[in-house]
Amino acid sequence: MTTQLSGSCAIVGMGRSISLKSDAERKTPLQLVVDAASQAMREAGITRKQVGALLTGRMPRTYCSLQYNQAVLNELKITPMISTEVTSHGAGALGTIELAVVLLQARVIDYALCVCGEASPLWIEMVEGSANWEADLQFEAPYGATTPALYAQVAQRYMHDYNIRPEQCARVAVENRLWALDHPQAAMRKKGKISVDDVLSSRMVASPLRMLDCAAWFPGGIGSAAVITRADLVPESPSKPSWILGFGQSSTHEWIGERFALRGAGPTENGPNITNLGVGEAARQAYAMSGLRPADVGIVETSAPFTFANLMVLEELGFCGKGEGGDFVEGGGINYDGGLPFNTTGGYLSFGQSGQGLYLLKEVLEQIHGEPEGRPVPGVKVGLVHGHGGPLACHSVMLVGGERP
């Protein structure tokens, strides 16, 4: 049973490497992940020879390689028994750890190294490039669809079906910005506070999405890495362990146009419905594995790139009912002071989007162990991380804690 996996493995090392546009020498995605992996291995106290599996996220746009995982292991000079990419869009970042747990529990390996990263904003123009990655090249991209326009289709339906008002969505951006002001790496830290009126008066990008409803680009690249091992090997690591309590994943489509035809499976069991995401199914799996409930969660990080999507994620994670995300946020549910600590880095809206890395997981672990870069959240015992990818296509949910259950 999957409940046997809860607390069976722990994260014993994490690393993160950052390169900014303002740096004299910009790093490539490969340099970033190799640096992060080296940090994670040092923290875990393991050598090159002990890495049994290297699991990478999807290939970065600015390091095109037919075998990205092979490029990484070549630079690290490691010879793992198992090496592969986990490419379920951004959900693959947490997916690497999920696969690592399975391999570790099968006792095929003793240590897994999970890495992912991106540095596209350092090297290429992002707006058109993103649309070409996320739009169907035959039926969507030729019409000039931008990434916000793809998401806006879901936003329109969601807001119509549940009477979600733009000012409710705007509250997500306002509260996320407050967290960003405390984080030294946040892209929008120097921009100051914003109000609901600021969001509603920002320029229209793709109706109903305005500029401040959309994720900001992180002004550079981030590589992140984690070392995972079994519970019986945790005492051999010098670092504080962070226990993997539960996880789940659900993928529903590749192109948003295809999502309209999905029925009879997963979140569309009762017919095509683009307002039911895979987050709920991934969360159900994670809660069932861990035996935990939303009320047990002390901090939440998500990679949802638009305000409305954050409302949908909160609903499907169980912090409020379906269609109640607007009322939940408007009523103070994620308030910077007194609400659920939500996107404590500033989230994609204000920390900035930079590939789907493991740095959101790193933020949760640092908060649990009382060592955050930004504003601390006292007393956190359990944290939840949500990884999203594609136009609401793939979702991973992971629950972690500072103590083994």
Protein backbone atom coordinates (compact mmCIF):
# COMPACT_ATOMS: atom_id res chain seq x y z
CA MET A 1 0.00 0.00 0.00
CA THR A 2 1.18 3.53 -0.69
CA THR A 3 0.82 4.39 3.01
CA GLN A 4 3.95 2.31 3.57
CA LEU A 5 5.92 4.90 1.61
CA SER A 6 5.10 7.70 4.06
CA GLY A 7 8.23 8.51 6.01
CA SER A 8 10.20 5.75 4.29
CA CYS A 9 12.59 8.21 2.66
CA ALA A 10 14.05 11.59 3.46
CA ILE A 11 15.72 14.51 1.74
CA VAL A 12 19.20 14.77 3.24
CA GLY A 13 20.73 17.41 1.00
CA MET A 14 19.58 20.34 -1.12
CA GLY A 15 21.35 22.86 -3.25
CA ARG A 16 20.41 25.89 -5.32
CA SER A 17 22.40 28.01 -7.72
CA ILE A 18 21.32 31.37 -9.16
CA SER A 19 22.59 33.47 -12.05
CA LEU A 20 21.17 36.92 -12.77
CA LYS A 21 21.09 39.13 -15.86
CA SER A 22 23.19 41.61 -13.93
CA ASP A 23 26.03 39.12 -13.38
CA ALA A 24 29.29 39.85 -15.14
CA GLU A 25 29.36 36.24 -16.35
CA ARG A 26 26.02 34.51 -16.85
CA LYS A 27 25.76 30.81 -16.15
CA THR A 28 24.22 28.24 -18.46
CA PRO A 29 21.46 25.89 -17.23
CA LEU A 30 24.00 23.06 -17.12
CA GLN A 31 26.39 25.07 -14.94
CA LEU A 32 23.52 25.95 -12.59
CA VAL A 33 22.30 22.38 -12.04
CA VAL A 34 25.83 21.01 -11.67
CA ASP A 35 26.59 23.63 -9.03
CA ALA A 36 23.32 22.88 -7.20
CA ALA A 37 23.94 19.13 -7.38
CA SER A 38 27.43 19.55 -5.93
CA GLN A 39 25.99 21.56 -3.03
CA ALA A 40 23.33 18.91 -2.36
CA MET A 41 25.87 16.08 -2.37
CA ARG A 42 28.14 17.94 0.04
CA GLU A 43 25.25 18.62 2.40
CA ALA A 44 24.22 14.96 2.26
CA GLY A 45 27.79 13.85 2.88
CA ILE A 46 27.93 11.48 -0.10
CA THR A 47 30.55 10.89 -2.77
CA ARG A 48 30.21 10.55 -6.52
CA LYS A 49 30.36 6.77 -6.22
CA GLN A 50 27.29 6.64 -3.94
CA VAL A 51 24.85 8.22 -6.42
CA GLY A 52 22.72 5.29 -7.55
CA ALA A 53 20.22 7.27 -9.62
CA LEU A 54 20.34 10.61 -11.40
CA LEU A 55 16.86 11.91 -12.18
CA THR A 56 16.49 15.20 -14.03
CA GLY A 57 13.56 17.41 -14.89
CA ARG A 58 12.87 18.33 -18.49
CA MET A 59 15.58 19.67 -20.75
CA PRO A 60 16.05 23.45 -20.39
CA ARG A 61 15.19 25.47 -23.47
CA THR A 62 18.64 27.01 -23.63
CA TYR A 63 20.53 23.74 -23.33
CA CYS A 64 19.11 21.52 -26.06
CA SER A 65 20.46 18.01 -25.73
CA LEU A 66 18.98 14.72 -26.86
CA GLN A 67 20.07 13.20 -23.55
CA TYR A 68 20.02 16.00 -20.98
CA ASN A 69 20.47 13.59 -18.07
CA GLN A 70 23.61 12.22 -19.74
CA ALA A 71 25.01 15.73 -20.08
CA VAL A 72 24.48 16.32 -16.36
CA LEU A 73 26.10 13.07 -15.23
CA ASN A 74 29.00 13.71 -17.60
CA GLU A 75 29.72 17.06 -15.92
CA LEU A 76 29.34 15.58 -12.43
CA LYS A 77 31.54 12.61 -13.36
CA ILE A 78 29.13 10.15 -11.79
CA THR A 79 28.12 6.69 -13.06
CA PRO A 80 24.64 5.98 -11.67
CA MET A 81 22.89 2.66 -12.14
CA ILE A 82 19.75 4.48 -13.31
CA SER A 83 19.49 7.80 -15.11
CA THR A 84 16.54 9.38 -16.87
CA GLU A 85 14.56 12.56 -17.44
CA VAL A 86 11.14 13.03 -15.85
CA THR A 87 9.42 15.25 -18.36
CA SER A 88 5.84 15.81 -17.22
CA HIS A 89 6.29 19.54 -17.78
CA GLY A 90 6.93 21.39 -14.52
CA ALA A 91 5.35 18.61 -12.48
CA GLY A 92 8.42 16.56 -13.34
CA ALA A 93 10.53 18.43 -10.79
CA LEU A 94 8.70 16.85 -7.87
CA GLY A 95 8.20 13.79 -10.06
CA THR A 96 11.93 13.10 -9.88
CA ILE A 97 11.65 12.74 -6.10
CA GLU A 98 8.56 10.57 -6.37
CA LEU A 99 10.41 8.20 -8.68
CA ALA A 100 13.43 8.28 -6.36
CA VAL A 101 11.29 7.07 -3.43
CA VAL A 102 10.04 4.11 -5.47
CA LEU A 103 13.58 3.14 -6.49
CA LEU A 104 14.89 3.50 -2.95
CA GLN A 105 12.12 1.42 -1.44
CA ALA A 106 12.77 -1.29 -4.03
CA ARG A 107 16.35 -1.23 -2.66
CA VAL A 108 17.72 -0.91 -6.15
CA ILE A 109 19.75 2.10 -5.00
CA ASP A 110 20.80 3.81 -1.77
CA TYR A 111 20.97 7.44 -2.88
CA ALA A 112 19.17 9.36 -5.62
CA LEU A 113 20.21 12.74 -6.96
CA CYS A 114 17.34 14.81 -8.39
CA VAL A 115 18.14 17.95 -10.38
CA CYS A 116 16.32 20.50 -12.51
CA GLY A 117 16.69 24.07 -13.59
CA GLU A 118 16.27 26.71 -16.23
CA ALA A 119 18.03 29.87 -17.37
CA SER A 120 16.01 30.92 -20.39
CA PRO A 121 15.53 34.57 -19.34
CA LEU A 122 19.32 34.95 -19.43
CA TRP A 123 19.69 33.90 -23.03
CA ILE A 124 16.49 34.08 -25.11
CA GLU A 125 13.33 36.14 -25.67
CA MET A 126 10.68 34.47 -23.53
CA VAL A 127 7.22 35.63 -24.65
CA GLU A 128 7.07 34.13 -28.14
CA GLY A 129 9.25 31.20 -27.15
CA SER A 130 6.93 30.21 -24.32
CA ALA A 131 3.88 30.22 -26.57
CA ASN A 132 5.62 27.99 -29.09
CA TRP A 133 6.31 25.46 -26.34
CA GLU A 134 2.84 25.52 -24.85
CA ALA A 135 0.62 25.89 -27.93
CA ASP A 136 -0.34 23.13 -30.34
CA LEU A 137 1.95 23.75 -33.33
CA GLN A 138 -0.79 22.77 -35.79
CA PHE A 139 -4.00 24.15 -34.34
CA GLU A 140 -3.06 26.89 -31.83
CA ALA A 141 0.36 28.44 -32.45
CA PRO A 142 -0.40 29.52 -36.08
CA TYR A 143 -3.08 31.86 -34.75
CA GLY A 144 -0.61 33.73 -32.56
CA ALA A 145 -1.77 32.42 -29.20
CA THR A 146 0.33 33.65 -26.31
CA THR A 147 0.77 31.70 -23.09
CA PRO A 148 -1.59 34.03 -21.17
CA ALA A 149 -4.19 33.60 -23.93
CA LEU A 150 -4.07 29.82 -23.52
CA TYR A 151 -4.64 30.09 -19.78
CA ALA A 152 -7.24 32.82 -20.22
CA GLN A 153 -9.62 30.30 -21.78
CA VAL A 154 -9.71 28.40 -18.51
CA ALA A 155 -9.90 31.63 -16.51
CA GLN A 156 -12.99 32.77 -18.45
CA ARG A 157 -14.80 29.49 -17.87
CA TYR A 158 -13.84 29.25 -14.21
CA MET A 159 -14.84 32.82 -13.40
CA HIS A 160 -18.12 32.41 -15.28
CA ASP A 161 -19.08 29.08 -13.69
CA TYR A 162 -18.34 30.14 -10.12
CA ASN A 163 -18.95 33.89 -10.22
CA ILE A 164 -15.33 34.66 -9.39
CA ARG A 165 -14.70 38.40 -9.50
CA PRO A 166 -11.49 40.03 -10.78
CA GLU A 167 -10.93 41.76 -7.43
CA GLN A 168 -10.90 38.36 -5.70
CA CYS A 169 -8.21 37.13 -8.06
CA ALA A 170 -6.28 40.35 -7.47
CA ARG A 171 -6.00 39.61 -3.76
CA VAL A 172 -3.64 36.75 -4.57
CA ALA A 173 -1.23 39.13 -6.29
CA VAL A 174 -1.46 41.61 -3.41
CA GLU A 175 -0.68 39.04 -0.70
CA ASN A 176 2.06 37.33 -2.70
CA ARG A 177 3.76 40.69 -3.22
CA LEU A 178 3.93 41.26 0.54
CA TRP A 179 5.87 38.01 0.96
CA ALA A 180 8.19 38.98 -1.89
CA LEU A 181 9.17 42.19 -0.13
CA ASP A 182 10.82 40.04 2.55
CA HIS A 183 12.67 37.70 0.19
CA PRO A 184 16.14 38.76 -0.99
CA GLN A 185 15.86 36.89 -4.31
CA ALA A 186 12.32 37.94 -5.31
CA ALA A 187 12.09 39.62 -8.70
CA MET A 188 9.53 42.19 -7.57
CA ARG A 189 11.06 42.95 -4.17
CA LYS A 190 12.10 46.49 -5.12
CA LYS A 191 8.76 47.29 -6.75
CA GLY A 192 6.98 47.77 -3.43
CA LYS A 193 3.46 46.92 -2.35
CA ILE A 194 0.53 46.73 -4.72
CA SER A 195 -3.20 47.12 -4.13
CA VAL A 196 -6.26 45.48 -5.62
CA ASP A 197 -6.82 48.67 -7.60
CA ASP A 198 -3.27 48.44 -8.97
CA VAL A 199 -3.99 44.96 -10.28
CA LEU A 200 -7.34 45.93 -11.77
CA SER A 201 -5.89 49.01 -13.48
CA SER A 202 -2.86 47.24 -14.95
CA ARG A 203 -2.98 46.73 -18.70
CA MET A 204 -5.04 43.93 -20.18
CA VAL A 205 -2.94 41.04 -21.49
CA ALA A 206 -5.52 38.39 -22.41
CA SER A 207 -9.01 38.90 -21.04
CA PRO A 208 -9.65 38.48 -18.15
CA LEU A 209 -5.94 38.45 -17.29
CA ARG A 210 -4.22 41.76 -16.63
CA MET A 211 -0.49 42.28 -16.30
CA LEU A 212 -0.43 41.93 -12.50
CA ASP A 213 -2.55 38.78 -12.75
CA CYS A 214 0.38 37.16 -14.55
CA ALA A 215 3.66 35.70 -13.32
CA ALA A 216 6.71 37.90 -13.53
CA TRP A 217 9.87 36.47 -15.08
CA PHE A 218 12.65 35.75 -12.62
CA PRO A 219 15.53 37.93 -13.87
CA GLY A 220 17.89 35.05 -14.43
CA GLY A 221 18.22 31.31 -14.00
CA ILE A 222 17.93 28.84 -11.14
CA GLY A 223 19.28 25.34 -10.75
CA SER A 224 18.17 23.18 -7.85
CA ALA A 225 18.97 19.69 -6.59
CA ALA A 226 18.10 17.24 -3.84
CA VAL A 227 19.61 14.04 -2.48
CA ILE A 228 17.12 11.40 -1.31
CA THR A 229 17.81 8.27 0.75
CA ARG A 230 16.00 5.58 2.76
CA ALA A 231 15.16 5.95 6.41
CA ASP A 232 17.74 3.34 7.47
CA LEU A 233 20.53 5.38 5.85
CA VAL A 234 19.47 8.78 7.21
CA PRO A 235 21.71 8.51 10.32
CA GLU A 236 24.76 8.40 8.03
CA SER A 237 24.03 11.88 6.68
CA PRO A 238 25.32 14.91 8.60
CA SER A 239 22.38 17.17 7.70
CA LYS A 240 18.91 17.55 9.16
CA PRO A 241 16.55 15.15 7.37
CA SER A 242 13.31 16.29 5.82
CA TRP A 243 10.81 13.47 5.58
CA ILE A 244 8.72 12.74 2.52
CA LEU A 245 5.24 12.13 3.95
CA GLY A 246 3.12 11.79 0.84
CA PHE A 247 2.99 12.58 -2.85
CA GLY A 248 0.76 12.34 -5.90
CA GLN A 249 0.67 13.31 -9.55
CA SER A 250 -1.91 13.72 -12.30
CA SER A 251 -1.48 14.67 -15.95
CA THR A 252 -4.45 15.34 -18.22
CA HIS A 253 -3.26 16.70 -21.58
CA GLU A 254 -0.52 18.31 -23.61
CA TRP A 255 -2.28 21.15 -25.49
CA ILE A 256 -5.16 23.11 -23.98
CA GLY A 257 -7.30 22.47 -27.07
CA GLU A 258 -7.04 18.73 -26.45
CA ARG A 259 -8.23 19.17 -22.88
CA PHE A 260 -11.71 20.04 -24.09
CA ALA A 261 -12.13 16.50 -25.47
CA LEU A 262 -10.99 14.61 -22.36
CA ARG A 263 -13.80 12.71 -20.68
CA GLY A 264 -14.39 9.57 -18.67
CA ALA A 265 -11.07 9.61 -16.79
CA GLY A 266 -9.46 11.42 -13.88
CA PRO A 267 -10.87 14.87 -13.15
CA THR A 268 -13.19 14.61 -16.17
CA GLU A 269 -14.91 11.39 -15.16
CA ASN A 270 -18.33 12.91 -15.74
CA GLY A 271 -17.59 14.63 -19.00
CA PRO A 272 -15.28 17.30 -20.43
CA ASN A 273 -14.66 20.09 -17.95
CA ILE A 274 -11.63 22.36 -18.06
CA THR A 275 -12.31 23.77 -14.58
CA ASN A 276 -11.44 20.48 -12.87
CA LEU A 277 -7.66 20.25 -12.80
CA GLY A 278 -5.38 17.37 -11.93
CA VAL A 279 -4.39 19.09 -8.68
CA GLY A 280 -7.28 17.51 -6.78
CA GLU A 281 -6.33 13.97 -7.82
CA ALA A 282 -2.65 14.54 -7.02
CA ALA A 283 -3.61 15.99 -3.63
CA ARG A 284 -5.93 13.07 -2.89
CA GLN A 285 -3.06 10.66 -3.48
CA ALA A 286 -0.68 12.68 -1.29
CA TYR A 287 -3.13 13.03 1.60
CA ALA A 288 -4.04 9.33 1.44
CA MET A 289 -0.39 8.27 1.52
CA SER A 290 0.45 10.54 4.44
CA GLY A 291 -2.74 10.23 6.46
CA LEU A 292 -2.76 14.02 6.71
CA ARG A 293 -5.45 16.60 5.94
CA PRO A 294 -5.32 20.20 4.73
CA ALA A 295 -5.72 21.33 8.34
CA ASP A 296 -2.35 19.70 9.15
CA VAL A 297 -0.49 21.80 6.58
CA GLY A 298 1.40 24.83 7.88
CA ILE A 299 2.78 26.29 4.65
CA VAL A 300 1.97 25.98 0.93
CA GLU A 301 4.06 26.78 -2.14
CA THR A 302 2.66 26.56 -5.67
CA SER A 303 4.00 27.25 -9.13
CA ALA A 304 0.62 28.45 -10.45
CA PRO A 305 1.50 31.32 -12.82
CA PHE A 306 -1.75 33.33 -12.77
CA THR A 307 -3.97 34.69 -10.01
CA PHE A 308 -7.06 32.70 -10.98
CA ALA A 309 -5.01 29.49 -11.11
CA ASN A 310 -3.92 30.05 -7.52
CA LEU A 311 -7.59 30.13 -6.50
CA MET A 312 -8.22 26.87 -8.33
CA VAL A 313 -5.19 25.26 -6.70
CA LEU A 314 -6.32 26.32 -3.21
CA GLU A 315 -9.69 24.74 -3.89
CA GLU A 316 -8.34 21.48 -5.21
CA LEU A 317 -5.81 21.20 -2.40
CA GLY A 318 -8.77 21.23 -0.02
CA PHE A 319 -8.34 24.58 1.71
CA CYS A 320 -11.81 25.61 0.56
CA GLY A 321 -14.64 24.14 -1.48
CA LYS A 322 -14.90 24.05 -5.26
CA GLY A 323 -15.71 27.51 -6.55
CA GLU A 324 -15.03 29.05 -3.12
CA GLY A 325 -11.48 30.19 -3.79
CA GLY A 326 -12.52 33.79 -4.38
CA ASP A 327 -14.46 34.02 -1.14
CA PHE A 328 -11.67 32.23 0.74
CA VAL A 329 -9.02 34.69 -0.38
CA GLU A 330 -11.30 37.72 -0.03
CA GLY A 331 -12.10 36.64 3.53
CA GLY A 332 -8.44 36.64 4.55
CA GLY A 333 -7.65 32.99 3.86
CA ILE A 334 -4.12 33.71 2.59
CA ASN A 335 -3.52 37.06 4.25
CA TYR A 336 0.13 37.91 4.83
CA ASP A 337 -0.81 38.48 8.45
CA GLY A 338 -3.00 35.78 9.93
CA GLY A 339 -3.84 33.67 6.88
CA LEU A 340 -2.46 30.44 5.50
CA PRO A 341 1.24 31.04 4.68
CA PHE A 342 0.91 30.79 0.91
CA ASN A 343 3.73 31.36 -1.58
CA THR A 344 6.09 32.69 1.04
CA THR A 345 8.78 33.46 -1.54
CA GLY A 346 6.33 35.71 -3.34
CA GLY A 347 5.17 32.94 -5.65
CA TYR A 348 5.45 33.02 -9.40
CA LEU A 349 3.56 36.31 -9.35
CA SER A 350 6.26 38.19 -7.42
CA PHE A 351 9.27 35.92 -6.84
CA GLY A 352 9.19 35.24 -10.53
CA GLN A 353 8.95 32.24 -12.80
CA SER A 354 12.14 30.43 -13.76
CA GLY A 355 11.61 26.92 -15.03
CA GLN A 356 9.95 24.51 -12.67
CA GLY A 357 12.67 23.86 -10.15
CA LEU A 358 12.87 22.33 -6.72
CA TYR A 359 13.53 25.71 -5.12
CA LEU A 360 9.92 25.87 -3.87
CA LEU A 361 10.56 22.62 -2.02
CA LYS A 362 13.77 24.11 -0.64
CA GLU A 363 11.78 27.08 0.71
CA VAL A 364 9.41 24.74 2.56
CA LEU A 365 12.24 22.72 4.09
CA GLU A 366 14.06 25.85 5.21
CA GLN A 367 10.87 27.13 6.85
CA ILE A 368 10.34 23.79 8.63
CA HIS A 369 13.89 23.88 9.98
CA GLY A 370 13.69 27.58 10.90
CA GLU A 371 16.25 28.75 8.32
CA PRO A 372 14.34 30.66 5.61
CA GLU A 373 15.86 33.37 3.44
CA GLY A 374 12.78 35.55 3.79
CA ARG A 375 10.15 36.03 6.46
CA PRO A 376 10.00 33.02 8.81
CA VAL A 377 6.78 31.15 9.47
CA PRO A 378 7.04 29.95 13.08
CA GLY A 379 6.03 26.48 14.14
CA VAL A 380 5.76 24.84 10.71
CA LYS A 381 5.78 21.05 11.01
CA VAL A 382 4.27 20.03 7.67
CA GLY A 383 4.55 21.77 4.33
CA LEU A 384 2.94 21.23 0.94
CA VAL A 385 4.51 21.88 -2.44
CA HIS A 386 2.57 21.92 -5.71
CA GLY A 387 4.36 21.66 -9.03
CA HIS A 388 2.50 22.70 -12.17
CA GLY A 389 3.40 22.45 -15.81
CA GLY A 390 2.03 23.20 -19.24
CA PRO A 391 -1.23 25.05 -19.69
CA LEU A 392 -2.66 23.50 -16.51
CA ALA A 393 -1.66 20.09 -17.88
CA CYS A 394 0.42 18.33 -15.22
CA HIS A 395 0.38 18.56 -11.45
CA SER A 396 2.45 17.09 -8.62
CA VAL A 397 1.76 17.49 -4.90
CA MET A 398 4.19 16.62 -2.12
CA LEU A 399 3.87 16.74 1.67
CA VAL A 400 7.06 17.02 3.72
CA GLY A 401 7.83 17.32 7.41
CA GLY A 402 10.69 17.77 9.85
CA GLU A 403 9.83 14.64 11.82
CA ARG A 404 9.32 11.07 10.71
CA PRO A 405 5.71 9.90 11.25
